[in-house]
Amino acid sequence: MKIRHFKNLTVKLLLAQLLYLTYSCGEAVKPSDDPNNKIALEEIKKEPKIKEAIITDANVLYVTVEDDKTNRDGYAQYLCEILKEHKASSSWVKVVKANSINDENSDNVYGILLGESNCN
């Protein structure tokens, strides 16, 4: 009987702690508000090739560049290194063609994909 009571008490305490942690931690920080992401993004925006750069709510760094007809996977890997250097939480980089949002060949709402890299 004592063991059963102890197990029930333990389960109740664990549930109480879980509920406390769930509600006390508040909302998660949006990727665009993460301080490390902000610093990395400012550094990336200084790159001469980059026209625009954003970090989405999906934690993906999108940068737009002029299309020089080369594959930009290597450039995306380089941008991953900047993200890592600043301990940013973003771990995916997509390089898209500038001014291609409305292009019929657009890969997504950000434009034509020229290169990408998974930073992990």
PDB file of N, CA and C in Angstrom:
ATOM      1  N   MET A   1       0.818  -1.196   0.000  1.00  0.00           N
ATOM      2  CA  MET A   1       0.000   0.000   0.000  1.00  0.00           C
ATOM      3  C   MET A   1       0.862   1.260   0.000  1.00  0.00           C
ATOM      4  N   LYS A   2       1.944   1.270   0.788  1.00  0.00           N
ATOM      5  CA  LYS A   2       2.813   2.444   0.845  1.00  0.00           C
ATOM      6  C   LYS A   2       3.518   2.670  -0.482  1.00  0.00           C
ATOM      7  N   ILE A   3       3.904   1.580  -1.138  1.00  0.00           N
ATOM      8  CA  ILE A   3       4.597   1.708  -2.423  1.00  0.00           C
ATOM      9  C   ILE A   3       3.658   2.302  -3.469  1.00  0.00           C
ATOM     10  N   ARG A   4       2.419   1.839  -3.508  1.00  0.00           N
ATOM     11  CA  ARG A   4       1.444   2.362  -4.462  1.00  0.00           C
ATOM     12  C   ARG A   4       1.207   3.851  -4.203  1.00  0.00           C
ATOM     13  N   HIS A   5       1.066   4.228  -2.951  1.00  0.00           N
ATOM     14  CA  HIS A   5       0.870   5.630  -2.588  1.00  0.00           C
ATOM     15  C   HIS A   5       2.076   6.462  -3.024  1.00  0.00           C
ATOM     16  N   PHE A   6       3.278   5.932  -2.831  1.00  0.00           N
ATOM     17  CA  PHE A   6       4.506   6.632  -3.211  1.00  0.00           C
ATOM     18  C   PHE A   6       4.561   6.824  -4.728  1.00  0.00           C
ATOM     19  N   LYS A   7       4.191   5.781  -5.480  1.00  0.00           N
ATOM     20  CA  LYS A   7       4.190   5.878  -6.944  1.00  0.00           C
ATOM     21  C   LYS A   7       3.179   6.919  -7.413  1.00  0.00           C
ATOM     22  N   ASN A   8       1.994   6.916  -6.835  1.00  0.00           N
ATOM     23  CA  ASN A   8       0.971   7.900  -7.200  1.00  0.00           C
ATOM     24  C   ASN A   8       1.436   9.318  -6.897  1.00  0.00           C
ATOM     25  N   LEU A   9       2.064   9.487  -5.754  1.00  0.00           N
ATOM     26  CA  LEU A   9       2.571  10.800  -5.370  1.00  0.00           C
ATOM     27  C   LEU A   9       3.670  11.254  -6.326  1.00  0.00           C
ATOM     28  N   THR A  10       4.555  10.334  -6.687  1.00  0.00           N
ATOM     29  CA  THR A  10       5.643  10.655  -7.614  1.00  0.00           C
ATOM     30  C   THR A  10       5.085  11.079  -8.970  1.00  0.00           C
ATOM     31  N   VAL A  11       4.115  10.351  -9.468  1.00  0.00           N
ATOM     32  CA  VAL A  11       3.498  10.683 -10.754  1.00  0.00           C
ATOM     33  C   VAL A  11       2.835  12.055 -10.684  1.00  0.00           C
ATOM     34  N   LYS A  12       2.137  12.336  -9.607  1.00  0.00           N
ATOM     35  CA  LYS A  12       1.474  13.636  -9.450  1.00  0.00           C
ATOM     36  C   LYS A  12       2.491  14.768  -9.399  1.00  0.00           C
ATOM     37  N   LEU A  13       3.596  14.553  -8.695  1.00  0.00           N
ATOM     38  CA  LEU A  13       4.638  15.581  -8.621  1.00  0.00           C
ATOM     39  C   LEU A  13       5.265  15.819  -9.993  1.00  0.00           C
ATOM     40  N   LEU A  14       5.523  14.749 -10.724  1.00  0.00           N
ATOM     41  CA  LEU A  14       6.094  14.901 -12.061  1.00  0.00           C
ATOM     42  C   LEU A  14       5.144  15.649 -12.993  1.00  0.00           C
ATOM     43  N   LEU A  15       3.872  15.331 -12.924  1.00  0.00           N
ATOM     44  CA  LEU A  15       2.885  16.042 -13.744  1.00  0.00           C
ATOM     45  C   LEU A  15       2.797  17.518 -13.360  1.00  0.00           C
ATOM     46  N   ALA A  16       2.844  17.791 -12.073  1.00  0.00           N
ATOM     47  CA  ALA A  16       2.802  19.178 -11.609  1.00  0.00           C
ATOM     48  C   ALA A  16       4.020  19.947 -12.115  1.00  0.00           C
ATOM     49  N   GLN A  17       5.199  19.323 -12.069  1.00  0.00           N
ATOM     50  CA  GLN A  17       6.409  19.978 -12.566  1.00  0.00           C
ATOM     51  C   GLN A  17       6.316  20.224 -14.065  1.00  0.00           C
ATOM     52  N   LEU A  18       5.813  19.249 -14.785  1.00  0.00           N
ATOM     53  CA  LEU A  18       5.663  19.394 -16.229  1.00  0.00           C
ATOM     54  C   LEU A  18       4.713  20.536 -16.576  1.00  0.00           C
ATOM     55  N   LEU A  19       3.594  20.610 -15.879  1.00  0.00           N
ATOM     56  CA  LEU A  19       2.652  21.711 -16.105  1.00  0.00           C
ATOM     57  C   LEU A  19       3.284  23.055 -15.776  1.00  0.00           C
ATOM     58  N   TYR A  20       4.016  23.109 -14.688  1.00  0.00           N
ATOM     59  CA  TYR A  20       4.685  24.348 -14.298  1.00  0.00           C
ATOM     60  C   TYR A  20       5.670  24.782 -15.378  1.00  0.00           C
ATOM     61  N   LEU A  21       6.492  23.852 -15.847  1.00  0.00           N
ATOM     62  CA  LEU A  21       7.476  24.183 -16.874  1.00  0.00           C
ATOM     63  C   LEU A  21       6.804  24.604 -18.176  1.00  0.00           C
ATOM     64  N   THR A  22       5.716  23.947 -18.506  1.00  0.00           N
ATOM     65  CA  THR A  22       5.007  24.271 -19.742  1.00  0.00           C
ATOM     66  C   THR A  22       4.482  25.702 -19.723  1.00  0.00           C
ATOM     67  N   TYR A  23       3.915  26.124 -18.616  1.00  0.00           N
ATOM     68  CA  TYR A  23       3.299  27.452 -18.548  1.00  0.00           C
ATOM     69  C   TYR A  23       4.243  28.540 -18.062  1.00  0.00           C
ATOM     70  N   SER A  24       5.301  28.182 -17.361  1.00  0.00           N
ATOM     71  CA  SER A  24       6.195  29.213 -16.832  1.00  0.00           C
ATOM     72  C   SER A  24       7.241  29.656 -17.839  1.00  0.00           C
ATOM     73  N   CYS A  25       7.499  28.842 -18.830  1.00  0.00           N
ATOM     74  CA  CYS A  25       8.537  29.184 -19.797  1.00  0.00           C
ATOM     75  C   CYS A  25       8.074  30.231 -20.801  1.00  0.00           C
ATOM     76  N   GLY A  26       6.789  30.435 -20.921  1.00  0.00           N
ATOM     77  CA  GLY A  26       6.285  31.441 -21.850  1.00  0.00           C
ATOM     78  C   GLY A  26       6.401  30.970 -23.286  1.00  0.00           C
ATOM     79  N   GLU A  27       6.237  31.910 -24.192  1.00  0.00           N
ATOM     80  CA  GLU A  27       6.296  31.585 -25.607  1.00  0.00           C
ATOM     81  C   GLU A  27       7.740  31.470 -26.057  1.00  0.00           C
ATOM     82  N   ALA A  28       7.938  30.672 -27.053  1.00  0.00           N
ATOM     83  CA  ALA A  28       9.274  30.516 -27.617  1.00  0.00           C
ATOM     84  C   ALA A  28       9.662  31.800 -28.353  1.00  0.00           C
ATOM     85  N   VAL A  29      10.936  32.073 -28.389  1.00  0.00           N
ATOM     86  CA  VAL A  29      11.443  33.251 -29.090  1.00  0.00           C
ATOM     87  C   VAL A  29      11.362  32.993 -30.591  1.00  0.00           C
ATOM     88  N   LYS A  30      10.818  33.949 -31.318  1.00  0.00           N
ATOM     89  CA  LYS A  30      10.770  33.833 -32.769  1.00  0.00           C
ATOM     90  C   LYS A  30      12.196  33.898 -33.300  1.00  0.00           C
ATOM     91  N   PRO A  31      12.495  33.140 -34.353  1.00  0.00           N
ATOM     92  CA  PRO A  31      13.851  33.159 -34.909  1.00  0.00           C
ATOM     93  C   PRO A  31      14.335  34.568 -35.256  1.00  0.00           C
ATOM     94  N   SER A  32      13.442  35.411 -35.745  1.00  0.00           N
ATOM     95  CA  SER A  32      13.852  36.771 -36.111  1.00  0.00           C
ATOM     96  C   SER A  32      14.171  37.631 -34.891  1.00  0.00           C
ATOM     97  N   ASP A  33      13.725  37.206 -33.711  1.00  0.00           N
ATOM     98  CA  ASP A  33      14.000  37.949 -32.480  1.00  0.00           C
ATOM     99  C   ASP A  33      15.181  37.391 -31.689  1.00  0.00           C
ATOM    100  N   ASP A  34      15.693  36.244 -32.100  1.00  0.00           N
ATOM    101  CA  ASP A  34      16.827  35.633 -31.404  1.00  0.00           C
ATOM    102  C   ASP A  34      18.044  36.553 -31.529  1.00  0.00           C
ATOM    103  N   PRO A  35      18.674  36.941 -30.410  1.00  0.00           N
ATOM    104  CA  PRO A  35      19.800  37.876 -30.467  1.00  0.00           C
ATOM    105  C   PRO A  35      20.955  37.394 -31.348  1.00  0.00           C
ATOM    106  N   ASN A  36      21.270  36.105 -31.299  1.00  0.00           N
ATOM    107  CA  ASN A  36      22.362  35.584 -32.127  1.00  0.00           C
ATOM    108  C   ASN A  36      22.004  35.628 -33.605  1.00  0.00           C
ATOM    109  N   ASN A  37      20.744  35.349 -33.922  1.00  0.00           N
ATOM    110  CA  ASN A  37      20.299  35.449 -35.311  1.00  0.00           C
ATOM    111  C   ASN A  37      20.385  36.889 -35.803  1.00  0.00           C
ATOM    112  N   LYS A  38      19.998  37.831 -34.948  1.00  0.00           N
ATOM    113  CA  LYS A  38      20.040  39.249 -35.334  1.00  0.00           C
ATOM    114  C   LYS A  38      21.464  39.693 -35.657  1.00  0.00           C
ATOM    115  N   ILE A  39      22.408  39.299 -34.809  1.00  0.00           N
ATOM    116  CA  ILE A  39      23.810  39.682 -35.024  1.00  0.00           C
ATOM    117  C   ILE A  39      24.334  39.057 -36.311  1.00  0.00           C
ATOM    118  N   ALA A  40      24.050  37.766 -36.503  1.00  0.00           N
ATOM    119  CA  ALA A  40      24.498  37.081 -37.718  1.00  0.00           C
ATOM    120  C   ALA A  40      23.868  37.716 -38.956  1.00  0.00           C
ATOM    121  N   LEU A  41      22.596  38.055 -38.869  1.00  0.00           N
ATOM    122  CA  LEU A  41      21.895  38.655 -39.998  1.00  0.00           C
ATOM    123  C   LEU A  41      22.507  40.005 -40.369  1.00  0.00           C
ATOM    124  N   GLU A  42      22.841  40.804 -39.379  1.00  0.00           N
ATOM    125  CA  GLU A  42      23.484  42.096 -39.659  1.00  0.00           C
ATOM    126  C   GLU A  42      24.833  41.897 -40.346  1.00  0.00           C
ATOM    127  N   GLU A  43      25.580  40.895 -39.911  1.00  0.00           N
ATOM    128  CA  GLU A  43      26.874  40.592 -40.529  1.00  0.00           C
ATOM    129  C   GLU A  43      26.674  40.135 -41.976  1.00  0.00           C
ATOM    130  N   ILE A  44      25.701  39.294 -42.194  1.00  0.00           N
ATOM    131  CA  ILE A  44      25.426  38.771 -43.534  1.00  0.00           C
ATOM    132  C   ILE A  44      24.965  39.887 -44.469  1.00  0.00           C
ATOM    133  N   LYS A  45      24.193  40.819 -43.966  1.00  0.00           N
ATOM    134  CA  LYS A  45      23.709  41.929 -44.799  1.00  0.00           C
ATOM    135  C   LYS A  45      24.844  42.825 -45.284  1.00  0.00           C
ATOM    136  N   LYS A  46      26.002  42.746 -44.660  1.00  0.00           N
ATOM    137  CA  LYS A  46      27.166  43.531 -45.085  1.00  0.00           C
ATOM    138  C   LYS A  46      27.850  42.935 -46.313  1.00  0.00           C
ATOM    139  N   GLU A  47      27.520  41.688 -46.630  1.00  0.00           N
ATOM    140  CA  GLU A  47      28.122  41.030 -47.789  1.00  0.00           C
ATOM    141  C   GLU A  47      27.745  41.795 -49.061  1.00  0.00           C
ATOM    142  N   PRO A  48      28.727  42.117 -49.905  1.00  0.00           N
ATOM    143  CA  PRO A  48      28.440  42.939 -51.087  1.00  0.00           C
ATOM    144  C   PRO A  48      27.475  42.301 -52.092  1.00  0.00           C
ATOM    145  N   LYS A  49      27.449  40.986 -52.184  1.00  0.00           N
ATOM    146  CA  LYS A  49      26.578  40.319 -53.158  1.00  0.00           C
ATOM    147  C   LYS A  49      25.116  40.302 -52.733  1.00  0.00           C
ATOM    148  N   ILE A  50      24.863  40.462 -51.450  1.00  0.00           N
ATOM    149  CA  ILE A  50      23.512  40.278 -50.925  1.00  0.00           C
ATOM    150  C   ILE A  50      22.680  41.545 -51.076  1.00  0.00           C
ATOM    151  N   LYS A  51      21.521  41.377 -51.707  1.00  0.00           N
ATOM    152  CA  LYS A  51      20.580  42.484 -51.880  1.00  0.00           C
ATOM    153  C   LYS A  51      19.642  42.584 -50.679  1.00  0.00           C
ATOM    154  N   GLU A  52      19.131  41.442 -50.225  1.00  0.00           N
ATOM    155  CA  GLU A  52      18.238  41.376 -49.066  1.00  0.00           C
ATOM    156  C   GLU A  52      18.537  40.097 -48.303  1.00  0.00           C
ATOM    157  N   ALA A  53      18.229  40.113 -47.007  1.00  0.00           N
ATOM    158  CA  ALA A  53      18.395  38.912 -46.182  1.00  0.00           C
ATOM    159  C   ALA A  53      17.363  38.931 -45.066  1.00  0.00           C
ATOM    160  N   ILE A  54      16.719  37.780 -44.860  1.00  0.00           N
ATOM    161  CA  ILE A  54      15.749  37.650 -43.766  1.00  0.00           C
ATOM    162  C   ILE A  54      15.875  36.258 -43.156  1.00  0.00           C
ATOM    163  N   ILE A  55      15.457  36.153 -41.906  1.00  0.00           N
ATOM    164  CA  ILE A  55      15.317  34.855 -41.261  1.00  0.00           C
ATOM    165  C   ILE A  55      13.828  34.665 -41.016  1.00  0.00           C
ATOM    166  N   THR A  56      13.281  33.603 -41.575  1.00  0.00           N
ATOM    167  CA  THR A  56      11.841  33.351 -41.500  1.00  0.00           C
ATOM    168  C   THR A  56      11.459  32.722 -40.165  1.00  0.00           C
ATOM    169  N   ASP A  57      10.152  32.648 -39.923  1.00  0.00           N
ATOM    170  CA  ASP A  57       9.653  31.976 -38.722  1.00  0.00           C
ATOM    171  C   ASP A  57       9.990  30.490 -38.734  1.00  0.00           C
ATOM    172  N   ALA A  58      10.266  29.939 -39.916  1.00  0.00           N
ATOM    173  CA  ALA A  58      10.689  28.540 -40.024  1.00  0.00           C
ATOM    174  C   ALA A  58      12.185  28.403 -39.749  1.00  0.00           C
ATOM    175  N   ASN A  59      12.830  29.518 -39.380  1.00  0.00           N
ATOM    176  CA  ASN A  59      14.251  29.564 -39.024  1.00  0.00           C
ATOM    177  C   ASN A  59      15.164  29.276 -40.216  1.00  0.00           C
ATOM    178  N   VAL A  60      14.748  29.729 -41.382  1.00  0.00           N
ATOM    179  CA  VAL A  60      15.537  29.597 -42.600  1.00  0.00           C
ATOM    180  C   VAL A  60      16.048  30.982 -42.980  1.00  0.00           C
ATOM    181  N   LEU A  61      17.343  31.065 -43.276  1.00  0.00           N
ATOM    182  CA  LEU A  61      17.919  32.315 -43.771  1.00  0.00           C
ATOM    183  C   LEU A  61      17.732  32.347 -45.282  1.00  0.00           C
ATOM    184  N   TYR A  62      17.017  33.361 -45.771  1.00  0.00           N
ATOM    185  CA  TYR A  62      16.871  33.593 -47.199  1.00  0.00           C
ATOM    186  C   TYR A  62      17.677  34.828 -47.553  1.00  0.00           C
ATOM    187  N   VAL A  63      18.512  34.709 -48.586  1.00  0.00           N
ATOM    188  CA  VAL A  63      19.240  35.869 -49.096  1.00  0.00           C
ATOM    189  C   VAL A  63      18.968  35.974 -50.590  1.00  0.00           C
ATOM    190  N   THR A  64      18.860  37.204 -51.069  1.00  0.00           N
ATOM    191  CA  THR A  64      18.688  37.421 -52.503  1.00  0.00           C
ATOM    192  C   THR A  64      19.975  37.991 -53.070  1.00  0.00           C
ATOM    193  N   VAL A  65      20.330  37.497 -54.251  1.00  0.00           N
ATOM    194  CA  VAL A  65      21.532  37.936 -54.957  1.00  0.00           C
ATOM    195  C   VAL A  65      21.192  38.054 -56.440  1.00  0.00           C
ATOM    196  N   GLU A  66      22.023  38.768 -57.171  1.00  0.00           N
ATOM    197  CA  GLU A  66      21.880  38.808 -58.624  1.00  0.00           C
ATOM    198  C   GLU A  66      22.281  37.443 -59.179  1.00  0.00           C
ATOM    199  N   ASP A  67      21.593  37.002 -60.205  1.00  0.00           N
ATOM    200  CA  ASP A  67      21.883  35.702 -60.816  1.00  0.00           C
ATOM    201  C   ASP A  67      23.015  35.852 -61.823  1.00  0.00           C
ATOM    202  N   ASP A  68      24.169  35.257 -61.502  1.00  0.00           N
ATOM    203  CA  ASP A  68      25.294  35.277 -62.442  1.00  0.00           C
ATOM    204  C   ASP A  68      25.430  33.928 -63.153  1.00  0.00           C
ATOM    205  N   LYS A  69      24.355  33.143 -63.098  1.00  0.00           N
ATOM    206  CA  LYS A  69      24.257  31.837 -63.766  1.00  0.00           C
ATOM    207  C   LYS A  69      25.170  30.774 -63.154  1.00  0.00           C
ATOM    208  N   THR A  70      25.630  30.980 -61.915  1.00  0.00           N
ATOM    209  CA  THR A  70      26.433  29.964 -61.230  1.00  0.00           C
ATOM    210  C   THR A  70      25.607  29.344 -60.111  1.00  0.00           C
ATOM    211  N   ASN A  71      25.968  28.128 -59.749  1.00  0.00           N
ATOM    212  CA  ASN A  71      25.336  27.455 -58.623  1.00  0.00           C
ATOM    213  C   ASN A  71      25.787  28.146 -57.343  1.00  0.00           C
ATOM    214  N   ARG A  72      24.861  28.435 -56.460  1.00  0.00           N
ATOM    215  CA  ARG A  72      25.174  29.179 -55.236  1.00  0.00           C
ATOM    216  C   ARG A  72      25.184  28.308 -53.978  1.00  0.00           C
ATOM    217  N   ASP A  73      25.297  26.976 -54.142  1.00  0.00           N
ATOM    218  CA  ASP A  73      25.392  26.100 -52.969  1.00  0.00           C
ATOM    219  C   ASP A  73      26.624  26.438 -52.126  1.00  0.00           C
ATOM    220  N   GLY A  74      27.736  26.698 -52.778  1.00  0.00           N
ATOM    221  CA  GLY A  74      28.968  27.059 -52.062  1.00  0.00           C
ATOM    222  C   GLY A  74      28.816  28.362 -51.294  1.00  0.00           C
ATOM    223  N   TYR A  75      28.130  29.316 -51.889  1.00  0.00           N
ATOM    224  CA  TYR A  75      27.898  30.589 -51.206  1.00  0.00           C
ATOM    225  C   TYR A  75      26.997  30.383 -49.992  1.00  0.00           C
ATOM    226  N   ALA A  76      26.005  29.507 -50.144  1.00  0.00           N
ATOM    227  CA  ALA A  76      25.125  29.184 -49.017  1.00  0.00           C
ATOM    228  C   ALA A  76      25.928  28.536 -47.888  1.00  0.00           C
ATOM    229  N   GLN A  77      26.878  27.664 -48.234  1.00  0.00           N
ATOM    230  CA  GLN A  77      27.735  27.044 -47.217  1.00  0.00           C
ATOM    231  C   GLN A  77      28.575  28.101 -46.503  1.00  0.00           C
ATOM    232  N   TYR A  78      29.072  29.061 -47.251  1.00  0.00           N
ATOM    233  CA  TYR A  78      29.834  30.164 -46.657  1.00  0.00           C
ATOM    234  C   TYR A  78      28.969  30.938 -45.655  1.00  0.00           C
ATOM    235  N   LEU A  79      27.713  31.192 -46.017  1.00  0.00           N
ATOM    236  CA  LEU A  79      26.809  31.899 -45.112  1.00  0.00           C
ATOM    237  C   LEU A  79      26.507  31.058 -43.872  1.00  0.00           C
ATOM    238  N   CYS A  80      26.484  29.735 -44.032  1.00  0.00           N
ATOM    239  CA  CYS A  80      26.330  28.844 -42.870  1.00  0.00           C
ATOM    240  C   CYS A  80      27.468  29.065 -41.879  1.00  0.00           C
ATOM    241  N   GLU A  81      28.661  29.267 -42.379  1.00  0.00           N
ATOM    242  CA  GLU A  81      29.812  29.492 -41.501  1.00  0.00           C
ATOM    243  C   GLU A  81      29.635  30.776 -40.687  1.00  0.00           C
ATOM    244  N   ILE A  82      29.075  31.796 -41.300  1.00  0.00           N
ATOM    245  CA  ILE A  82      28.803  33.040 -40.571  1.00  0.00           C
ATOM    246  C   ILE A  82      27.753  32.787 -39.489  1.00  0.00           C
ATOM    247  N   LEU A  83      26.714  32.027 -39.825  1.00  0.00           N
ATOM    248  CA  LEU A  83      25.692  31.695 -38.828  1.00  0.00           C
ATOM    249  C   LEU A  83      26.309  30.937 -37.655  1.00  0.00           C
ATOM    250  N   LYS A  84      27.153  29.962 -37.961  1.00  0.00           N
ATOM    251  CA  LYS A  84      27.797  29.170 -36.904  1.00  0.00           C
ATOM    252  C   LYS A  84      28.714  30.036 -36.049  1.00  0.00           C
ATOM    253  N   GLU A  85      29.448  30.920 -36.695  1.00  0.00           N
ATOM    254  CA  GLU A  85      30.377  31.813 -35.990  1.00  0.00           C
ATOM    255  C   GLU A  85      29.652  32.644 -34.934  1.00  0.00           C
ATOM    256  N   HIS A  86      28.427  33.018 -35.230  1.00  0.00           N
ATOM    257  CA  HIS A  86      27.639  33.851 -34.316  1.00  0.00           C
ATOM    258  C   HIS A  86      26.654  33.038 -33.474  1.00  0.00           C
ATOM    259  N   LYS A  87      26.781  31.710 -33.544  1.00  0.00           N
ATOM    260  CA  LYS A  87      25.927  30.799 -32.763  1.00  0.00           C
ATOM    261  C   LYS A  87      24.433  31.040 -33.022  1.00  0.00           C
ATOM    262  N   ALA A  88      24.126  31.324 -34.269  1.00  0.00           N
ATOM    263  CA  ALA A  88      22.733  31.545 -34.659  1.00  0.00           C
ATOM    264  C   ALA A  88      21.974  30.224 -34.644  1.00  0.00           C
ATOM    265  N   SER A  89      20.688  30.305 -34.388  1.00  0.00           N
ATOM    266  CA  SER A  89      19.879  29.084 -34.359  1.00  0.00           C
ATOM    267  C   SER A  89      19.454  28.649 -35.759  1.00  0.00           C
ATOM    268  N   SER A  90      19.515  29.543 -36.719  1.00  0.00           N
ATOM    269  CA  SER A  90      19.162  29.179 -38.093  1.00  0.00           C
ATOM    270  C   SER A  90      20.154  28.153 -38.618  1.00  0.00           C
ATOM    271  N   SER A  91      19.625  27.111 -39.246  1.00  0.00           N
ATOM    272  CA  SER A  91      20.518  26.055 -39.715  1.00  0.00           C
ATOM    273  C   SER A  91      20.254  25.676 -41.171  1.00  0.00           C
ATOM    274  N   TRP A  92      19.579  26.526 -41.881  1.00  0.00           N
ATOM    275  CA  TRP A  92      19.315  26.280 -43.296  1.00  0.00           C
ATOM    276  C   TRP A  92      19.425  27.604 -44.025  1.00  0.00           C
ATOM    277  N   VAL A  93      20.139  27.608 -45.151  1.00  0.00           N
ATOM    278  CA  VAL A  93      20.321  28.821 -45.947  1.00  0.00           C
ATOM    279  C   VAL A  93      19.817  28.554 -47.356  1.00  0.00           C
ATOM    280  N   LYS A  94      19.043  29.492 -47.874  1.00  0.00           N
ATOM    281  CA  LYS A  94      18.573  29.422 -49.255  1.00  0.00           C
ATOM    282  C   LYS A  94      18.936  30.733 -49.943  1.00  0.00           C
ATOM    283  N   VAL A  95      19.623  30.602 -51.064  1.00  0.00           N
ATOM    284  CA  VAL A  95      20.018  31.755 -51.868  1.00  0.00           C
ATOM    285  C   VAL A  95      19.064  31.818 -53.057  1.00  0.00           C
ATOM    286  N   VAL A  96      18.381  32.943 -53.196  1.00  0.00           N
ATOM    287  CA  VAL A  96      17.405  33.090 -54.280  1.00  0.00           C
ATOM    288  C   VAL A  96      17.765  34.279 -55.168  1.00  0.00           C
ATOM    289  N   LYS A  97      17.274  34.210 -56.387  1.00  0.00           N
ATOM    290  CA  LYS A  97      17.517  35.255 -57.380  1.00  0.00           C
ATOM    291  C   LYS A  97      16.763  36.520 -56.993  1.00  0.00           C
ATOM    292  N   ALA A  98      17.454  37.645 -57.033  1.00  0.00           N
ATOM    293  CA  ALA A  98      16.836  38.934 -56.717  1.00  0.00           C
ATOM    294  C   ALA A  98      15.716  39.231 -57.710  1.00  0.00           C
ATOM    295  N   ASN A  99      14.664  39.834 -57.208  1.00  0.00           N
ATOM    296  CA  ASN A  99      13.520  40.264 -58.024  1.00  0.00           C
ATOM    297  C   ASN A  99      12.850  39.123 -58.788  1.00  0.00           C
ATOM    298  N   SER A 100      12.825  37.934 -58.195  1.00  0.00           N
ATOM    299  CA  SER A 100      12.212  36.794 -58.888  1.00  0.00           C
ATOM    300  C   SER A 100      10.981  36.262 -58.162  1.00  0.00           C
ATOM    301  N   ILE A 101      10.446  37.052 -57.245  1.00  0.00           N
ATOM    302  CA  ILE A 101       9.297  36.593 -56.457  1.00  0.00           C
ATOM    303  C   ILE A 101       8.110  36.246 -57.349  1.00  0.00           C
ATOM    304  N   ASN A 102       7.838  37.059 -58.337  1.00  0.00           N
ATOM    305  CA  ASN A 102       6.676  36.843 -59.204  1.00  0.00           C
ATOM    306  C   ASN A 102       7.007  36.058 -60.466  1.00  0.00           C
ATOM    307  N   ASP A 103       8.215  35.562 -60.568  1.00  0.00           N
ATOM    308  CA  ASP A 103       8.629  34.794 -61.736  1.00  0.00           C
ATOM    309  C   ASP A 103       7.840  33.485 -61.815  1.00  0.00           C
ATOM    310  N   GLU A 104       7.466  33.086 -63.016  1.00  0.00           N
ATOM    311  CA  GLU A 104       6.709  31.834 -63.166  1.00  0.00           C
ATOM    312  C   GLU A 104       7.525  30.608 -62.769  1.00  0.00           C
ATOM    313  N   ASN A 105       8.847  30.717 -62.739  1.00  0.00           N
ATOM    314  CA  ASN A 105       9.717  29.607 -62.327  1.00  0.00           C
ATOM    315  C   ASN A 105      10.109  29.680 -60.855  1.00  0.00           C
ATOM    316  N   SER A 106       9.453  30.540 -60.116  1.00  0.00           N
ATOM    317  CA  SER A 106       9.761  30.718 -58.697  1.00  0.00           C
ATOM    318  C   SER A 106       9.575  29.402 -57.938  1.00  0.00           C
ATOM    319  N   ASP A 107      10.552  29.066 -57.088  1.00  0.00           N
ATOM    320  CA  ASP A 107      10.484  27.829 -56.306  1.00  0.00           C
ATOM    321  C   ASP A 107       9.529  27.952 -55.130  1.00  0.00           C
ATOM    322  N   ASN A 108       9.423  29.160 -54.589  1.00  0.00           N
ATOM    323  CA  ASN A 108       8.534  29.413 -53.454  1.00  0.00           C
ATOM    324  C   ASN A 108       8.234  30.904 -53.424  1.00  0.00           C
ATOM    325  N   VAL A 109       7.671  31.390 -52.336  1.00  0.00           N
ATOM    326  CA  VAL A 109       7.293  32.806 -52.265  1.00  0.00           C
ATOM    327  C   VAL A 109       8.498  33.740 -52.241  1.00  0.00           C
ATOM    328  N   TYR A 110       9.696  33.198 -52.059  1.00  0.00           N
ATOM    329  CA  TYR A 110      10.885  34.047 -51.995  1.00  0.00           C
ATOM    330  C   TYR A 110      11.606  34.165 -53.334  1.00  0.00           C
ATOM    331  N   GLY A 111      11.273  33.338 -54.294  1.00  0.00           N
ATOM    332  CA  GLY A 111      11.873  33.471 -55.608  1.00  0.00           C
ATOM    333  C   GLY A 111      12.505  32.196 -56.137  1.00  0.00           C
ATOM    334  N   ILE A 112      13.322  32.365 -57.168  1.00  0.00           N
ATOM    335  CA  ILE A 112      13.997  31.245 -57.823  1.00  0.00           C
ATOM    336  C   ILE A 112      15.218  30.843 -57.004  1.00  0.00           C
ATOM    337  N   LEU A 113      15.267  29.586 -56.637  1.00  0.00           N
ATOM    338  CA  LEU A 113      16.364  29.073 -55.818  1.00  0.00           C
ATOM    339  C   LEU A 113      17.627  28.920 -56.658  1.00  0.00           C
ATOM    340  N   LEU A 114      18.720  29.540 -56.185  1.00  0.00           N
ATOM    341  CA  LEU A 114      20.009  29.437 -56.867  1.00  0.00           C
ATOM    342  C   LEU A 114      20.975  28.513 -56.124  1.00  0.00           C
ATOM    343  N   GLY A 115      20.749  28.347 -54.835  1.00  0.00           N
ATOM    344  CA  GLY A 115      21.620  27.489 -54.035  1.00  0.00           C
ATOM    345  C   GLY A 115      21.089  27.383 -52.626  1.00  0.00           C
ATOM    346  N   GLU A 116      21.509  26.323 -51.932  1.00  0.00           N
ATOM    347  CA  GLU A 116      21.068  26.139 -50.552  1.00  0.00           C
ATOM    348  C   GLU A 116      22.062  25.273 -49.805  1.00  0.00           C
ATOM    349  N   SER A 117      21.971  25.346 -48.480  1.00  0.00           N
ATOM    350  CA  SER A 117      22.842  24.528 -47.646  1.00  0.00           C
ATOM    351  C   SER A 117      22.191  24.278 -46.299  1.00  0.00           C
ATOM    352  N   ASN A 118      22.323  23.049 -45.827  1.00  0.00           N
ATOM    353  CA  ASN A 118      21.938  22.691 -44.467  1.00  0.00           C
ATOM    354  C   ASN A 118      23.180  22.892 -43.614  1.00  0.00           C
ATOM    355  N   CYS A 119      23.099  23.733 -42.623  1.00  0.00           N
ATOM    356  CA  CYS A 119      24.273  24.121 -41.835  1.00  0.00           C
ATOM    357  C   CYS A 119      24.654  23.115 -40.751  1.00  0.00           C
ATOM    358  N   ASN A 120      23.907  22.057 -40.600  1.00  0.00           N
ATOM    359  CA  ASN A 120      24.234  21.070 -39.555  1.00  0.00           C
ATOM    360  C   ASN A 120      25.329  20.136 -39.990  1.00  0.00           C
TER     361      ASN A 120
END
